[in-house]
Amino acid sequence: MSFLARSLPTTLPLLQFSSSVLRASSSSSAASSASSALRSLSHSNAHLRSFHSSPATATIKTFFDVKFSDPDTKQAVQERIEFELFDDVVPKTAENFRALCVSREDKFGYKGSYFHRIIPGFMIQGGDFTRGNGTGGKSIYGDRFPDENFKLSHKGPGYLSMANAGPNTNGSQFFITTTETSFLDGRHVVFGKVVQKDKNDNKYIDILKKIEKSGSDQGRITADITPQIVDCGEIKDETAV
């Protein structure tokens, strides 16, 4: 089976992978095949820059309050997810996300927007606050801005990364991984992750696992409630003078 369900789209949705293929990619041989498949895309390989998995320091924290359908009770619930942004490594990308979290300008910010594409065992995608279907959104720098760098890796669940339609097409759309997806390294800019107090703290990852059950292998939302960011913002350091 090919690791690409279809070629890279011309609109903003993330690369199209089936969840079964993504689960298989956890093996080293499958991951190697995935990398080969990615490199065979029609886009030039010139943008596949090197990356490092070295730790980043986060000084900016943000949050989403997400409304979604509880997979067990089928009732509407609201949960908070907190993120730390790697502004020391990708300051421009981190600031774009932070600013869109705090924005209250009409149709220019994440508040009220939806997660329009969810693939269980892969990721949840949102950030299209202009059209809501994966073809819209815009950054604080204009419609699109360049890939800042690829120094960080999609090395586990809970990582924040920019969705794009190819090199240097970042806007406002993002995705949050629900598994390790390092085969996307060099193509999507990682800029943050969910907050974890220690390696055993899965509080927010567990919430992501609940939200991802709203999706399907094709990315379509199958739950009665489309997951929505009902509130969002920046978490200020209360100890700061």
C-alpha atoms as a PDB file:
ATOM      1  CA  MET A   1       0.000   0.000   0.000  1.00  0.00           C
ATOM      2  CA  SER A   2       1.284   3.434  -0.856  1.00  0.00           C
ATOM      3  CA  PHE A   3       1.920   5.763   2.066  1.00  0.00           C
ATOM      4  CA  LEU A   4       0.179   8.529   0.162  1.00  0.00           C
ATOM      5  CA  ALA A   5      -3.553   8.209  -0.280  1.00  0.00           C
ATOM      6  CA  ARG A   6      -3.328  10.992  -2.822  1.00  0.00           C
ATOM      7  CA  SER A   7      -0.846  13.615  -3.906  1.00  0.00           C
ATOM      8  CA  LEU A   8      -0.346  16.857  -2.033  1.00  0.00           C
ATOM      9  CA  PRO A   9      -3.495  19.005  -2.312  1.00  0.00           C
ATOM     10  CA  THR A  10      -3.452  22.488  -3.751  1.00  0.00           C
ATOM     11  CA  THR A  11      -5.523  23.825  -0.855  1.00  0.00           C
ATOM     12  CA  LEU A  12      -4.416  23.990   2.741  1.00  0.00           C
ATOM     13  CA  PRO A  13      -5.361  20.587   4.198  1.00  0.00           C
ATOM     14  CA  LEU A  14      -2.447  18.559   5.526  1.00  0.00           C
ATOM     15  CA  LEU A  15      -0.953  15.694   3.527  1.00  0.00           C
ATOM     16  CA  GLN A  16      -3.582  12.970   3.084  1.00  0.00           C
ATOM     17  CA  PHE A  17      -2.602   9.801   4.951  1.00  0.00           C
ATOM     18  CA  SER A  18      -4.949   6.996   5.980  1.00  0.00           C
ATOM     19  CA  SER A  19      -4.864   6.108   9.675  1.00  0.00           C
ATOM     20  CA  SER A  20      -4.057   2.457   8.919  1.00  0.00           C
ATOM     21  CA  VAL A  21      -0.966   3.501   7.015  1.00  0.00           C
ATOM     22  CA  LEU A  22       0.015   5.904   9.766  1.00  0.00           C
ATOM     23  CA  ARG A  23      -0.245   3.226  12.422  1.00  0.00           C
ATOM     24  CA  ALA A  24       1.972   1.010  10.291  1.00  0.00           C
ATOM     25  CA  SER A  25       4.576   3.758  10.039  1.00  0.00           C
ATOM     26  CA  SER A  26       5.650   3.140  13.626  1.00  0.00           C
ATOM     27  CA  SER A  27       8.011   0.400  12.356  1.00  0.00           C
ATOM     28  CA  SER A  28      11.402   1.507  11.079  1.00  0.00           C
ATOM     29  CA  SER A  29      10.954  -0.126   7.661  1.00  0.00           C
ATOM     30  CA  ALA A  30       7.539   1.484   7.204  1.00  0.00           C
ATOM     31  CA  ALA A  31       8.860   4.840   8.312  1.00  0.00           C
ATOM     32  CA  SER A  32      11.646   4.499   5.761  1.00  0.00           C
ATOM     33  CA  SER A  33       9.096   3.738   3.044  1.00  0.00           C
ATOM     34  CA  ALA A  34       7.059   6.744   4.144  1.00  0.00           C
ATOM     35  CA  SER A  35      10.072   8.991   3.814  1.00  0.00           C
ATOM     36  CA  SER A  36      10.742   7.653   0.325  1.00  0.00           C
ATOM     37  CA  ALA A  37       7.132   8.216  -0.676  1.00  0.00           C
ATOM     38  CA  LEU A  38       7.203  11.774   0.591  1.00  0.00           C
ATOM     39  CA  ARG A  39      10.350  12.534  -1.364  1.00  0.00           C
ATOM     40  CA  SER A  40       8.726  11.209  -4.537  1.00  0.00           C
ATOM     41  CA  LEU A  41       6.083  13.935  -4.545  1.00  0.00           C
ATOM     42  CA  SER A  42       6.081  16.293  -7.490  1.00  0.00           C
ATOM     43  CA  HIS A  43       7.369  19.165  -5.373  1.00  0.00           C
ATOM     44  CA  SER A  44      11.093  19.839  -5.403  1.00  0.00           C
ATOM     45  CA  ASN A  45      13.130  18.191  -2.652  1.00  0.00           C
ATOM     46  CA  ALA A  46      15.005  21.430  -2.088  1.00  0.00           C
ATOM     47  CA  HIS A  47      12.780  22.422   0.827  1.00  0.00           C
ATOM     48  CA  LEU A  48      13.423  19.188   2.768  1.00  0.00           C
ATOM     49  CA  ARG A  49      15.864  20.807   5.167  1.00  0.00           C
ATOM     50  CA  SER A  50      17.560  19.145   8.099  1.00  0.00           C
ATOM     51  CA  PHE A  51      15.938  19.074  11.520  1.00  0.00           C
ATOM     52  CA  HIS A  52      17.003  18.362  15.083  1.00  0.00           C
ATOM     53  CA  SER A  53      15.097  16.715  17.903  1.00  0.00           C
ATOM     54  CA  SER A  54      16.935  18.716  20.557  1.00  0.00           C
ATOM     55  CA  PRO A  55      14.706  20.180  23.275  1.00  0.00           C
ATOM     56  CA  ALA A  56      13.323  23.670  22.886  1.00  0.00           C
ATOM     57  CA  THR A  57      12.541  26.163  25.613  1.00  0.00           C
ATOM     58  CA  ALA A  58       8.973  27.465  25.813  1.00  0.00           C
ATOM     59  CA  THR A  59       8.263  30.909  27.253  1.00  0.00           C
ATOM     60  CA  ILE A  60       4.769  31.360  25.774  1.00  0.00           C
ATOM     61  CA  LYS A  61       1.767  29.311  26.879  1.00  0.00           C
ATOM     62  CA  THR A  62      -1.692  29.334  25.324  1.00  0.00           C
ATOM     63  CA  PHE A  63      -4.939  27.417  25.762  1.00  0.00           C
ATOM     64  CA  PHE A  64      -7.953  26.137  23.879  1.00  0.00           C
ATOM     65  CA  ASP A  65     -11.326  25.432  25.491  1.00  0.00           C
ATOM     66  CA  VAL A  66     -12.740  22.804  23.145  1.00  0.00           C
ATOM     67  CA  LYS A  67     -16.359  21.687  22.908  1.00  0.00           C
ATOM     68  CA  PHE A  68     -16.855  18.195  21.492  1.00  0.00           C
ATOM     69  CA  SER A  69     -18.933  15.038  21.788  1.00  0.00           C
ATOM     70  CA  ASP A  70     -17.751  12.711  24.550  1.00  0.00           C
ATOM     71  CA  PRO A  71     -17.081   9.380  22.790  1.00  0.00           C
ATOM     72  CA  ASP A  72     -18.578   7.381  25.665  1.00  0.00           C
ATOM     73  CA  THR A  73     -21.648   9.383  26.694  1.00  0.00           C
ATOM     74  CA  LYS A  74     -22.254  11.078  23.306  1.00  0.00           C
ATOM     75  CA  GLN A  75     -22.980  14.248  25.270  1.00  0.00           C
ATOM     76  CA  ALA A  76     -21.427  17.662  24.674  1.00  0.00           C
ATOM     77  CA  VAL A  77     -18.445  18.328  26.928  1.00  0.00           C
ATOM     78  CA  GLN A  78     -15.923  21.134  27.181  1.00  0.00           C
ATOM     79  CA  GLU A  79     -12.276  20.550  28.056  1.00  0.00           C
ATOM     80  CA  ARG A  80      -9.222  22.793  28.252  1.00  0.00           C
ATOM     81  CA  ILE A  81      -5.946  22.005  26.498  1.00  0.00           C
ATOM     82  CA  GLU A  82      -2.811  24.017  27.295  1.00  0.00           C
ATOM     83  CA  PHE A  83       0.128  24.456  24.937  1.00  0.00           C
ATOM     84  CA  GLU A  84       3.697  25.648  25.244  1.00  0.00           C
ATOM     85  CA  LEU A  85       5.157  27.388  22.197  1.00  0.00           C
ATOM     86  CA  PHE A  86       8.791  27.030  21.152  1.00  0.00           C
ATOM     87  CA  ASP A  87       9.368  30.722  20.540  1.00  0.00           C
ATOM     88  CA  ASP A  88      13.123  30.364  21.060  1.00  0.00           C
ATOM     89  CA  VAL A  89      13.384  28.162  17.956  1.00  0.00           C
ATOM     90  CA  VAL A  90      10.521  29.440  15.764  1.00  0.00           C
ATOM     91  CA  PRO A  91       9.607  32.894  17.139  1.00  0.00           C
ATOM     92  CA  LYS A  92       7.675  34.062  14.078  1.00  0.00           C
ATOM     93  CA  THR A  93       5.531  30.924  13.856  1.00  0.00           C
ATOM     94  CA  ALA A  94       4.926  30.894  17.608  1.00  0.00           C
ATOM     95  CA  GLU A  95       3.865  34.547  17.589  1.00  0.00           C
ATOM     96  CA  ASN A  96       1.415  33.896  14.745  1.00  0.00           C
ATOM     97  CA  PHE A  97      -0.300  31.190  16.803  1.00  0.00           C
ATOM     98  CA  ARG A  98      -0.245  33.240  20.022  1.00  0.00           C
ATOM     99  CA  ALA A  99      -1.701  36.314  18.324  1.00  0.00           C
ATOM    100  CA  LEU A 100      -4.503  34.295  16.730  1.00  0.00           C
ATOM    101  CA  CYS A 101      -5.283  32.767  20.135  1.00  0.00           C
ATOM    102  CA  VAL A 102      -5.764  36.195  21.734  1.00  0.00           C
ATOM    103  CA  SER A 103      -7.401  37.927  18.759  1.00  0.00           C
ATOM    104  CA  ARG A 104     -11.027  38.943  19.144  1.00  0.00           C
ATOM    105  CA  GLU A 105     -11.254  40.557  15.725  1.00  0.00           C
ATOM    106  CA  ASP A 106     -14.158  39.257  13.654  1.00  0.00           C
ATOM    107  CA  LYS A 107     -13.108  36.331  11.425  1.00  0.00           C
ATOM    108  CA  PHE A 108      -9.484  36.769  12.404  1.00  0.00           C
ATOM    109  CA  GLY A 109      -8.636  34.426  15.231  1.00  0.00           C
ATOM    110  CA  TYR A 110      -9.154  30.926  16.530  1.00  0.00           C
ATOM    111  CA  LYS A 111     -12.007  31.646  18.929  1.00  0.00           C
ATOM    112  CA  GLY A 112     -15.210  30.110  17.573  1.00  0.00           C
ATOM    113  CA  SER A 113     -13.437  28.124  14.851  1.00  0.00           C
ATOM    114  CA  TYR A 114     -13.686  24.363  14.327  1.00  0.00           C
ATOM    115  CA  PHE A 115     -11.462  21.343  13.917  1.00  0.00           C
ATOM    116  CA  HIS A 116     -12.522  20.546  10.364  1.00  0.00           C
ATOM    117  CA  ARG A 117     -10.351  17.484   9.723  1.00  0.00           C
ATOM    118  CA  ILE A 118      -9.606  14.677  12.184  1.00  0.00           C
ATOM    119  CA  ILE A 119      -7.906  11.356  11.438  1.00  0.00           C
ATOM    120  CA  PRO A 120      -7.766   9.009  14.452  1.00  0.00           C
ATOM    121  CA  GLY A 121      -4.275   7.686  15.074  1.00  0.00           C
ATOM    122  CA  PHE A 122      -2.753  10.654  13.235  1.00  0.00           C
ATOM    123  CA  MET A 123      -3.833  14.211  14.031  1.00  0.00           C
ATOM    124  CA  ILE A 124      -6.573  16.782  14.513  1.00  0.00           C
ATOM    125  CA  GLN A 125      -6.504  19.832  12.227  1.00  0.00           C
ATOM    126  CA  GLY A 126      -8.038  23.281  12.645  1.00  0.00           C
ATOM    127  CA  GLY A 127      -7.356  26.968  12.242  1.00  0.00           C
ATOM    128  CA  ASP A 128      -9.462  27.764   9.168  1.00  0.00           C
ATOM    129  CA  PHE A 129     -11.460  30.609  10.677  1.00  0.00           C
ATOM    130  CA  THR A 130     -12.459  32.162   7.338  1.00  0.00           C
ATOM    131  CA  ARG A 131     -14.033  29.207   5.501  1.00  0.00           C
ATOM    132  CA  GLY A 132     -14.047  26.384   8.021  1.00  0.00           C
ATOM    133  CA  ASN A 133     -13.347  23.656   5.473  1.00  0.00           C
ATOM    134  CA  GLY A 134      -9.566  23.628   5.131  1.00  0.00           C
ATOM    135  CA  THR A 135      -9.300  26.017   2.183  1.00  0.00           C
ATOM    136  CA  GLY A 136      -9.082  29.287   4.114  1.00  0.00           C
ATOM    137  CA  GLY A 137      -7.395  31.043   6.991  1.00  0.00           C
ATOM    138  CA  LYS A 138      -4.641  33.644   7.036  1.00  0.00           C
ATOM    139  CA  SER A 139      -1.659  34.612   9.142  1.00  0.00           C
ATOM    140  CA  ILE A 140      -0.882  37.797  11.056  1.00  0.00           C
ATOM    141  CA  TYR A 141       1.774  38.496   8.409  1.00  0.00           C
ATOM    142  CA  GLY A 142      -0.605  38.357   5.453  1.00  0.00           C
ATOM    143  CA  ASP A 143      -2.223  35.439   3.660  1.00  0.00           C
ATOM    144  CA  ARG A 144       0.847  33.193   3.808  1.00  0.00           C
ATOM    145  CA  PHE A 145       4.324  33.277   5.311  1.00  0.00           C
ATOM    146  CA  PRO A 146       7.482  31.201   4.699  1.00  0.00           C
ATOM    147  CA  ASP A 147       8.587  28.088   6.545  1.00  0.00           C
ATOM    148  CA  GLU A 148      10.666  29.450   9.419  1.00  0.00           C
ATOM    149  CA  ASN A 149      12.816  26.340   9.896  1.00  0.00           C
ATOM    150  CA  PHE A 150      12.514  22.598  10.418  1.00  0.00           C
ATOM    151  CA  LYS A 151      14.650  22.247  13.525  1.00  0.00           C
ATOM    152  CA  LEU A 152      12.018  20.413  15.572  1.00  0.00           C
ATOM    153  CA  SER A 153      10.549  16.961  15.065  1.00  0.00           C
ATOM    154  CA  HIS A 154       7.030  15.504  15.231  1.00  0.00           C
ATOM    155  CA  LYS A 155       8.376  13.000  17.735  1.00  0.00           C
ATOM    156  CA  GLY A 156       5.241  12.049  19.646  1.00  0.00           C
ATOM    157  CA  PRO A 157       1.611  12.854  20.400  1.00  0.00           C
ATOM    158  CA  GLY A 158       0.650  16.389  21.338  1.00  0.00           C
ATOM    159  CA  TYR A 159       2.926  18.340  18.987  1.00  0.00           C
ATOM    160  CA  LEU A 160       1.675  21.501  17.280  1.00  0.00           C
ATOM    161  CA  SER A 161       2.662  21.946  13.646  1.00  0.00           C
ATOM    162  CA  MET A 162       1.675  24.108  10.693  1.00  0.00           C
ATOM    163  CA  ALA A 163      -0.613  22.670   8.016  1.00  0.00           C
ATOM    164  CA  ASN A 164       0.308  23.800   4.522  1.00  0.00           C
ATOM    165  CA  ALA A 165      -0.178  23.266   0.798  1.00  0.00           C
ATOM    166  CA  GLY A 166       3.512  22.933   0.055  1.00  0.00           C
ATOM    167  CA  PRO A 167       6.678  24.896   0.828  1.00  0.00           C
ATOM    168  CA  ASN A 168       6.249  28.401   2.287  1.00  0.00           C
ATOM    169  CA  THR A 169       2.432  28.392   2.386  1.00  0.00           C
ATOM    170  CA  ASN A 170       1.804  28.760   6.129  1.00  0.00           C
ATOM    171  CA  GLY A 171      -1.318  30.637   7.166  1.00  0.00           C
ATOM    172  CA  SER A 172      -3.366  29.977  10.280  1.00  0.00           C
ATOM    173  CA  GLN A 173      -4.126  26.280   9.882  1.00  0.00           C
ATOM    174  CA  PHE A 174      -2.371  23.911  12.256  1.00  0.00           C
ATOM    175  CA  PHE A 175      -2.566  20.325  13.385  1.00  0.00           C
ATOM    176  CA  ILE A 176      -1.954  18.536  16.673  1.00  0.00           C
ATOM    177  CA  THR A 177      -0.413  15.082  16.443  1.00  0.00           C
ATOM    178  CA  THR A 178      -1.973  12.173  18.305  1.00  0.00           C
ATOM    179  CA  THR A 179       0.972   9.870  17.589  1.00  0.00           C
ATOM    180  CA  GLU A 180       4.593  10.086  16.463  1.00  0.00           C
ATOM    181  CA  THR A 181       4.710  11.393  12.873  1.00  0.00           C
ATOM    182  CA  SER A 182       8.389  12.060  12.220  1.00  0.00           C
ATOM    183  CA  PHE A 183       7.896  11.309   8.501  1.00  0.00           C
ATOM    184  CA  LEU A 184       6.410  14.834   8.310  1.00  0.00           C
ATOM    185  CA  ASP A 185       9.694  16.372   9.494  1.00  0.00           C
ATOM    186  CA  GLY A 186      11.138  18.756   6.936  1.00  0.00           C
ATOM    187  CA  ARG A 187       7.722  19.489   5.435  1.00  0.00           C
ATOM    188  CA  HIS A 188       5.720  21.003   8.312  1.00  0.00           C
ATOM    189  CA  VAL A 189       7.016  23.468  10.908  1.00  0.00           C
ATOM    190  CA  VAL A 190       6.716  22.206  14.496  1.00  0.00           C
ATOM    191  CA  PHE A 191       6.211  25.140  16.866  1.00  0.00           C
ATOM    192  CA  GLY A 192       4.778  23.824  20.141  1.00  0.00           C
ATOM    193  CA  LYS A 193       3.288  20.971  22.122  1.00  0.00           C
ATOM    194  CA  VAL A 194       0.732  20.276  24.812  1.00  0.00           C
ATOM    195  CA  VAL A 195       1.913  21.039  28.337  1.00  0.00           C
ATOM    196  CA  GLN A 196       3.268  18.049  30.252  1.00  0.00           C
ATOM    197  CA  LYS A 197       4.547  18.418  33.826  1.00  0.00           C
ATOM    198  CA  ASP A 198       6.595  15.252  33.347  1.00  0.00           C
ATOM    199  CA  LYS A 199       6.842  12.333  30.928  1.00  0.00           C
ATOM    200  CA  ASN A 200       3.995  10.534  32.683  1.00  0.00           C
ATOM    201  CA  ASP A 201       1.600  13.486  32.533  1.00  0.00           C
ATOM    202  CA  ASN A 202      -0.930  12.638  29.813  1.00  0.00           C
ATOM    203  CA  LYS A 203      -3.761  14.912  30.940  1.00  0.00           C
ATOM    204  CA  TYR A 204      -4.045  16.903  27.720  1.00  0.00           C
ATOM    205  CA  ILE A 205      -3.022  14.043  25.444  1.00  0.00           C
ATOM    206  CA  ASP A 206      -5.906  12.016  26.877  1.00  0.00           C
ATOM    207  CA  ILE A 207      -8.261  14.859  25.900  1.00  0.00           C
ATOM    208  CA  LEU A 208      -6.821  14.836  22.368  1.00  0.00           C
ATOM    209  CA  LYS A 209      -7.467  11.090  22.209  1.00  0.00           C
ATOM    210  CA  LYS A 210     -11.114  11.736  23.033  1.00  0.00           C
ATOM    211  CA  ILE A 211     -11.419  14.490  20.431  1.00  0.00           C
ATOM    212  CA  GLU A 212      -9.838  12.384  17.690  1.00  0.00           C
ATOM    213  CA  LYS A 213     -12.687   9.884  18.002  1.00  0.00           C
ATOM    214  CA  SER A 214     -14.870  12.542  16.358  1.00  0.00           C
ATOM    215  CA  GLY A 215     -13.097  11.870  13.063  1.00  0.00           C
ATOM    216  CA  SER A 216     -12.627   9.118  10.503  1.00  0.00           C
ATOM    217  CA  ASP A 217      -9.944   7.538   8.322  1.00  0.00           C
ATOM    218  CA  GLN A 218     -10.847  10.036   5.582  1.00  0.00           C
ATOM    219  CA  GLY A 219     -10.714  12.987   7.973  1.00  0.00           C
ATOM    220  CA  ARG A 220     -14.447  13.682   7.929  1.00  0.00           C
ATOM    221  CA  ILE A 221     -16.152  14.537  11.203  1.00  0.00           C
ATOM    222  CA  THR A 222     -18.529  11.718  12.150  1.00  0.00           C
ATOM    223  CA  ALA A 223     -19.607  12.882  15.623  1.00  0.00           C
ATOM    224  CA  ASP A 224     -22.851  14.804  16.126  1.00  0.00           C
ATOM    225  CA  ILE A 225     -20.817  17.770  17.368  1.00  0.00           C
ATOM    226  CA  THR A 226     -17.944  19.163  15.306  1.00  0.00           C
ATOM    227  CA  PRO A 227     -15.165  19.965  17.798  1.00  0.00           C
ATOM    228  CA  GLN A 228     -15.041  23.730  18.305  1.00  0.00           C
ATOM    229  CA  ILE A 229     -12.619  26.130  19.979  1.00  0.00           C
ATOM    230  CA  VAL A 230     -15.144  28.028  22.087  1.00  0.00           C
ATOM    231  CA  ASP A 231     -12.457  30.077  23.823  1.00  0.00           C
ATOM    232  CA  CYS A 232      -8.706  30.516  23.628  1.00  0.00           C
ATOM    233  CA  GLY A 233      -5.991  32.849  24.792  1.00  0.00           C
ATOM    234  CA  GLU A 234      -2.575  33.273  26.350  1.00  0.00           C
ATOM    235  CA  ILE A 235      -1.661  32.006  29.804  1.00  0.00           C
ATOM    236  CA  LYS A 236       0.261  34.727  31.577  1.00  0.00           C
ATOM    237  CA  ASP A 237       3.015  33.921  34.046  1.00  0.00           C
ATOM    238  CA  GLU A 238       1.514  34.935  37.374  1.00  0.00           C
ATOM    239  CA  THR A 239       4.961  35.057  38.950  1.00  0.00           C
ATOM    240  CA  ALA A 240       6.192  37.720  36.546  1.00  0.00           C
ATOM    241  CA  VAL A 241       6.758  41.163  38.046  1.00  0.00           C
END
